[in-house]
Amino acid sequence: MIRRPPRSTLFPYTTLFRSGVCTKLLDNSTKTIQQTIARYDDKDADSTIKNISRSDYCIRIFMRKTNSFHLPADILIPLILIGPGTGLAPFIGFLEHREFQKKETEGSNNGFGDILLFYGCRHKDKDYLYKEKLEAMKSTGVLSELFVSFSQPDDLTLREHVQDSLKRNESRVFDLIHNKGAMIFVCGDAKGMANEVHKTIVHVIKNGLECSEDKATTYVNSLQDSRRYLQDIW
């Protein structure tokens, strides 16, 4: 998270407020210097950067700790990771750690729980973050399943979001949650995506158990209470 400094150090704002690093804050904060550097070649740009006063671009950053949004100690627990856009960031760390664990135990009889990743972005060819890395992890078995949704494909009839992909795979998702004790991790947009994903998980449980929406909602709430359904959203 980033807290804007007083008006004297950065912008003519009189109040302080918080903004996530995945917003356009950093880009907007450095528009002037970006435009200045764009007029020079690499050598002159380096010189320009060195002469900039740090006080002109002061951004105060603080860490927000989490006590639960991390890989479980039990490697047998299946994971359902849902992170469109920059919400993918923590899951890259999850997957790299699991990749390390698998290499460390190579040749042993240790098993690992399945990992399903539901990722989404606008364009397949423009902002599919870590495409090669994710596909490589799928091919080596670090990822059991990789589901990618594109919200602005060339063919708009193929448009979908992560919640649509969850619905398409609801029997698999339900089995992991209800029968295998899977943990659900959601990271990204709080206003739209997180709410839609929550509704979809309720839908999955409702269909799987063939129960009322109220009972399915209670079930999902119990997952959250027991920290099997975790969110890091903004």
Protein backbone atom coordinates (compact mmCIF):
# COMPACT_ATOMS: atom_id res chain seq x y z
CA MET A 1 0.00 0.00 0.00
CA ILE A 2 1.08 3.60 -0.58
CA ARG A 3 0.16 6.68 1.37
CA ARG A 4 0.32 9.99 -0.48
CA PRO A 5 2.66 12.47 1.23
CA PRO A 6 1.72 16.07 2.08
CA ARG A 7 1.18 18.56 -0.78
CA SER A 8 4.62 20.12 -0.31
CA THR A 9 6.43 16.92 -1.30
CA LEU A 10 4.42 15.61 -4.21
CA PHE A 11 0.98 16.87 -5.21
CA PRO A 12 -1.30 19.76 -4.22
CA TYR A 13 -3.42 17.48 -2.02
CA THR A 14 -4.22 18.53 1.50
CA THR A 15 -5.51 15.18 2.72
CA LEU A 16 -3.77 11.85 2.95
CA PHE A 17 -5.33 8.72 1.60
CA ARG A 18 -4.28 5.21 0.69
CA SER A 19 -3.90 3.70 -2.73
CA GLY A 20 -2.70 0.26 -3.78
CA VAL A 21 0.53 -0.18 -5.71
CA CYS A 22 -1.45 -1.87 -8.47
CA THR A 23 -3.36 1.33 -9.22
CA LYS A 24 -2.10 4.12 -11.51
CA LEU A 25 -0.71 6.10 -8.59
CA LEU A 26 2.96 5.52 -9.42
CA ASP A 27 2.40 6.22 -13.10
CA ASN A 28 0.50 9.43 -12.41
CA SER A 29 3.03 10.52 -9.79
CA THR A 30 5.88 10.44 -12.29
CA LYS A 31 4.23 11.81 -15.44
CA THR A 32 6.45 14.89 -15.51
CA ILE A 33 9.71 12.98 -15.27
CA GLN A 34 8.52 10.39 -17.80
CA GLN A 35 7.76 13.12 -20.32
CA THR A 36 11.11 14.78 -19.67
CA ILE A 37 13.11 11.58 -20.09
CA ALA A 38 11.25 10.68 -23.27
CA ARG A 39 12.91 13.67 -24.99
CA TYR A 40 16.44 12.35 -24.43
CA ASP A 41 18.45 9.35 -25.59
CA ASP A 42 19.49 6.72 -23.02
CA LYS A 43 22.74 8.48 -21.98
CA ASP A 44 21.13 11.88 -21.42
CA ALA A 45 18.17 10.25 -19.69
CA ASP A 46 20.50 8.58 -17.17
CA SER A 47 22.09 11.95 -16.42
CA THR A 48 18.69 13.56 -16.02
CA ILE A 49 17.57 10.91 -13.55
CA LYS A 50 20.70 11.37 -11.41
CA ASN A 51 20.07 15.12 -11.13
CA ILE A 52 16.49 14.78 -9.93
CA SER A 53 15.92 15.73 -6.32
CA ARG A 54 14.50 12.86 -4.31
CA SER A 55 12.32 15.27 -2.37
CA ASP A 56 10.47 16.10 -5.60
CA TYR A 57 9.19 12.54 -5.84
CA CYS A 58 8.64 11.34 -2.30
CA ILE A 59 6.29 8.40 -1.93
CA ARG A 60 5.85 6.88 1.49
CA ILE A 61 5.27 3.14 1.47
CA PHE A 62 4.21 0.82 4.27
CA MET A 63 3.70 -2.93 4.44
CA ARG A 64 0.37 -4.50 5.25
CA LYS A 65 0.94 -7.81 7.00
CA THR A 66 -1.23 -10.87 6.56
CA ASN A 67 -1.39 -13.76 8.99
CA SER A 68 -3.22 -16.19 6.74
CA PHE A 69 -2.84 -15.42 3.01
CA HIS A 70 -0.03 -17.87 2.35
CA LEU A 71 0.51 -21.49 1.38
CA PRO A 72 -0.72 -23.98 3.98
CA ALA A 73 1.91 -26.02 5.78
CA ASP A 74 0.18 -29.23 4.66
CA ILE A 75 1.31 -29.87 1.07
CA LEU A 76 -1.55 -32.32 0.50
CA ILE A 77 -4.24 -29.62 0.71
CA PRO A 78 -5.56 -28.75 -2.77
CA LEU A 79 -5.54 -25.07 -3.72
CA ILE A 80 -7.93 -23.04 -5.84
CA LEU A 81 -6.22 -19.79 -6.81
CA ILE A 82 -8.32 -17.01 -8.34
CA GLY A 83 -6.43 -13.89 -9.40
CA PRO A 84 -7.21 -11.86 -12.53
CA GLY A 85 -4.87 -9.07 -13.63
CA THR A 86 -2.33 -8.03 -11.04
CA GLY A 87 -4.13 -10.29 -8.57
CA LEU A 88 -1.86 -12.97 -10.00
CA ALA A 89 1.17 -11.52 -8.18
CA PRO A 90 1.05 -13.46 -4.89
CA PHE A 91 0.22 -16.68 -6.70
CA ILE A 92 3.44 -16.53 -8.67
CA GLY A 93 5.17 -16.69 -5.29
CA PHE A 94 2.92 -19.59 -4.23
CA LEU A 95 3.74 -21.53 -7.38
CA GLU A 96 7.48 -20.85 -7.26
CA HIS A 97 7.54 -22.09 -3.68
CA ARG A 98 5.61 -25.23 -4.65
CA GLU A 99 8.01 -25.73 -7.56
CA PHE A 100 10.90 -25.59 -5.09
CA GLN A 101 9.15 -28.04 -2.76
CA LYS A 102 8.61 -30.53 -5.56
CA LYS A 103 12.26 -30.34 -6.63
CA GLU A 104 13.44 -30.78 -3.04
CA THR A 105 11.35 -33.94 -2.62
CA GLU A 106 11.99 -35.36 -6.09
CA GLY A 107 12.36 -39.12 -5.92
CA SER A 108 10.48 -39.40 -2.63
CA ASN A 109 6.96 -40.67 -2.11
CA ASN A 110 5.66 -37.27 -1.04
CA GLY A 111 2.46 -36.27 -2.78
CA PHE A 112 1.08 -32.80 -3.36
CA GLY A 113 -2.44 -31.48 -3.46
CA ASP A 114 -3.77 -30.27 -6.80
CA ILE A 115 -3.47 -26.58 -7.66
CA LEU A 116 -6.00 -24.92 -9.93
CA LEU A 117 -5.32 -21.38 -11.14
CA PHE A 118 -8.10 -19.21 -12.53
CA TYR A 119 -6.47 -16.21 -14.16
CA GLY A 120 -8.04 -13.48 -16.27
CA CYS A 121 -6.95 -10.46 -18.29
CA ARG A 122 -8.25 -8.30 -21.12
CA HIS A 123 -6.20 -9.33 -24.15
CA LYS A 124 -4.47 -12.62 -24.88
CA ASP A 125 -1.59 -10.97 -26.74
CA LYS A 126 -1.16 -7.82 -24.64
CA ASP A 127 -1.54 -8.41 -20.93
CA TYR A 128 -1.41 -12.16 -20.33
CA LEU A 129 1.10 -11.81 -17.49
CA TYR A 130 3.65 -14.60 -16.99
CA LYS A 131 2.18 -16.57 -19.90
CA GLU A 132 5.30 -18.64 -20.60
CA LYS A 133 5.99 -19.21 -16.90
CA LEU A 134 2.47 -20.38 -16.14
CA GLU A 135 2.33 -22.68 -19.13
CA ALA A 136 5.70 -24.14 -18.17
CA MET A 137 4.44 -24.78 -14.62
CA LYS A 138 1.39 -26.50 -16.08
CA SER A 139 3.57 -28.72 -18.26
CA THR A 140 5.81 -29.72 -15.33
CA GLY A 141 2.87 -30.46 -13.03
CA VAL A 142 3.38 -27.60 -10.58
CA LEU A 143 -0.02 -26.41 -11.76
CA SER A 144 -2.63 -29.13 -12.08
CA GLU A 145 -4.98 -26.95 -14.13
CA LEU A 146 -4.62 -23.50 -15.71
CA PHE A 147 -7.80 -21.68 -16.71
CA VAL A 148 -7.34 -18.33 -18.45
CA SER A 149 -10.22 -15.98 -19.25
CA PHE A 150 -10.06 -13.01 -21.63
CA SER A 151 -12.54 -10.18 -21.16
CA GLN A 152 -11.74 -8.37 -24.42
CA PRO A 153 -10.84 -11.03 -27.00
CA ASP A 154 -10.89 -10.32 -30.73
CA ASP A 155 -13.98 -12.49 -30.95
CA LEU A 156 -16.31 -11.00 -28.33
CA THR A 157 -18.47 -14.12 -28.35
CA LEU A 158 -15.58 -15.76 -26.47
CA ARG A 159 -15.53 -13.07 -23.79
CA GLU A 160 -15.48 -14.34 -20.21
CA HIS A 161 -14.26 -13.58 -16.70
CA VAL A 162 -12.79 -15.79 -13.99
CA GLN A 163 -16.23 -16.41 -12.48
CA ASP A 164 -17.42 -17.77 -15.83
CA SER A 165 -14.48 -20.16 -15.91
CA LEU A 166 -15.32 -21.28 -12.37
CA LYS A 167 -18.87 -22.10 -13.47
CA ARG A 168 -17.63 -24.06 -16.47
CA ASN A 169 -15.56 -26.19 -14.12
CA GLU A 170 -17.94 -26.28 -11.19
CA SER A 171 -17.98 -30.06 -10.73
CA ARG A 172 -14.18 -30.09 -10.39
CA VAL A 173 -14.24 -27.07 -8.08
CA PHE A 174 -17.00 -28.55 -5.92
CA ASP A 175 -15.20 -31.87 -5.57
CA LEU A 176 -12.01 -30.17 -4.41
CA ILE A 177 -13.84 -27.96 -1.92
CA HIS A 178 -16.35 -30.42 -0.50
CA ASN A 179 -14.57 -33.76 -0.80
CA LYS A 180 -10.88 -32.87 -0.78
CA GLY A 181 -10.78 -29.98 1.70
CA ALA A 182 -9.39 -27.44 -0.76
CA MET A 183 -8.47 -23.90 0.22
CA ILE A 184 -9.65 -20.97 -1.90
CA PHE A 185 -7.48 -17.89 -2.40
CA VAL A 186 -8.85 -14.79 -4.14
CA CYS A 187 -6.71 -11.78 -4.99
CA GLY A 188 -7.52 -8.61 -6.92
CA ASP A 189 -10.41 -6.23 -7.41
CA ALA A 190 -12.75 -5.90 -4.44
CA LYS A 191 -15.58 -3.98 -6.11
CA GLY A 192 -16.51 -6.33 -8.92
CA MET A 193 -14.46 -9.50 -9.19
CA ALA A 194 -14.39 -10.59 -5.54
CA ASN A 195 -18.17 -10.23 -5.18
CA GLU A 196 -18.83 -12.11 -8.41
CA VAL A 197 -16.45 -14.89 -7.41
CA HIS A 198 -18.16 -15.19 -4.04
CA LYS A 199 -21.55 -15.50 -5.73
CA THR A 200 -20.13 -18.12 -8.05
CA ILE A 201 -18.69 -20.20 -5.21
CA VAL A 202 -22.12 -20.10 -3.55
CA HIS A 203 -23.62 -21.22 -6.88
CA VAL A 204 -21.13 -24.10 -7.11
CA ILE A 205 -21.92 -25.28 -3.58
CA LYS A 206 -25.67 -24.92 -4.13
CA ASN A 207 -25.57 -27.10 -7.25
CA GLY A 208 -23.14 -29.59 -5.76
CA LEU A 209 -25.12 -30.15 -2.57
CA GLU A 210 -28.50 -29.63 -4.27
CA CYS A 211 -29.47 -27.30 -1.47
CA SER A 212 -31.01 -23.85 -1.04
CA GLU A 213 -29.03 -20.68 -1.65
CA ASP A 214 -29.25 -19.84 2.06
CA LYS A 215 -27.63 -23.15 3.02
CA ALA A 216 -24.98 -22.72 0.34
CA THR A 217 -24.24 -19.21 1.61
CA THR A 218 -23.90 -20.54 5.17
CA TYR A 219 -21.53 -23.22 3.87
CA VAL A 220 -19.33 -20.64 2.12
CA ASN A 221 -19.38 -18.39 5.19
CA SER A 222 -18.10 -21.35 7.23
CA LEU A 223 -15.23 -21.72 4.75
CA GLN A 224 -14.30 -18.11 5.38
CA ASP A 225 -14.60 -18.50 9.15
CA SER A 226 -12.29 -21.53 9.09
CA ARG A 227 -9.82 -19.69 6.81
CA ARG A 228 -10.33 -22.03 3.91
CA TYR A 229 -11.62 -19.14 1.80
CA LEU A 230 -9.17 -16.25 1.93
CA GLN A 231 -9.10 -12.91 0.16
CA ASP A 232 -6.50 -10.25 -0.49
CA ILE A 233 -8.53 -7.62 -2.30
CA TRP A 234 -8.49 -3.86 -2.79
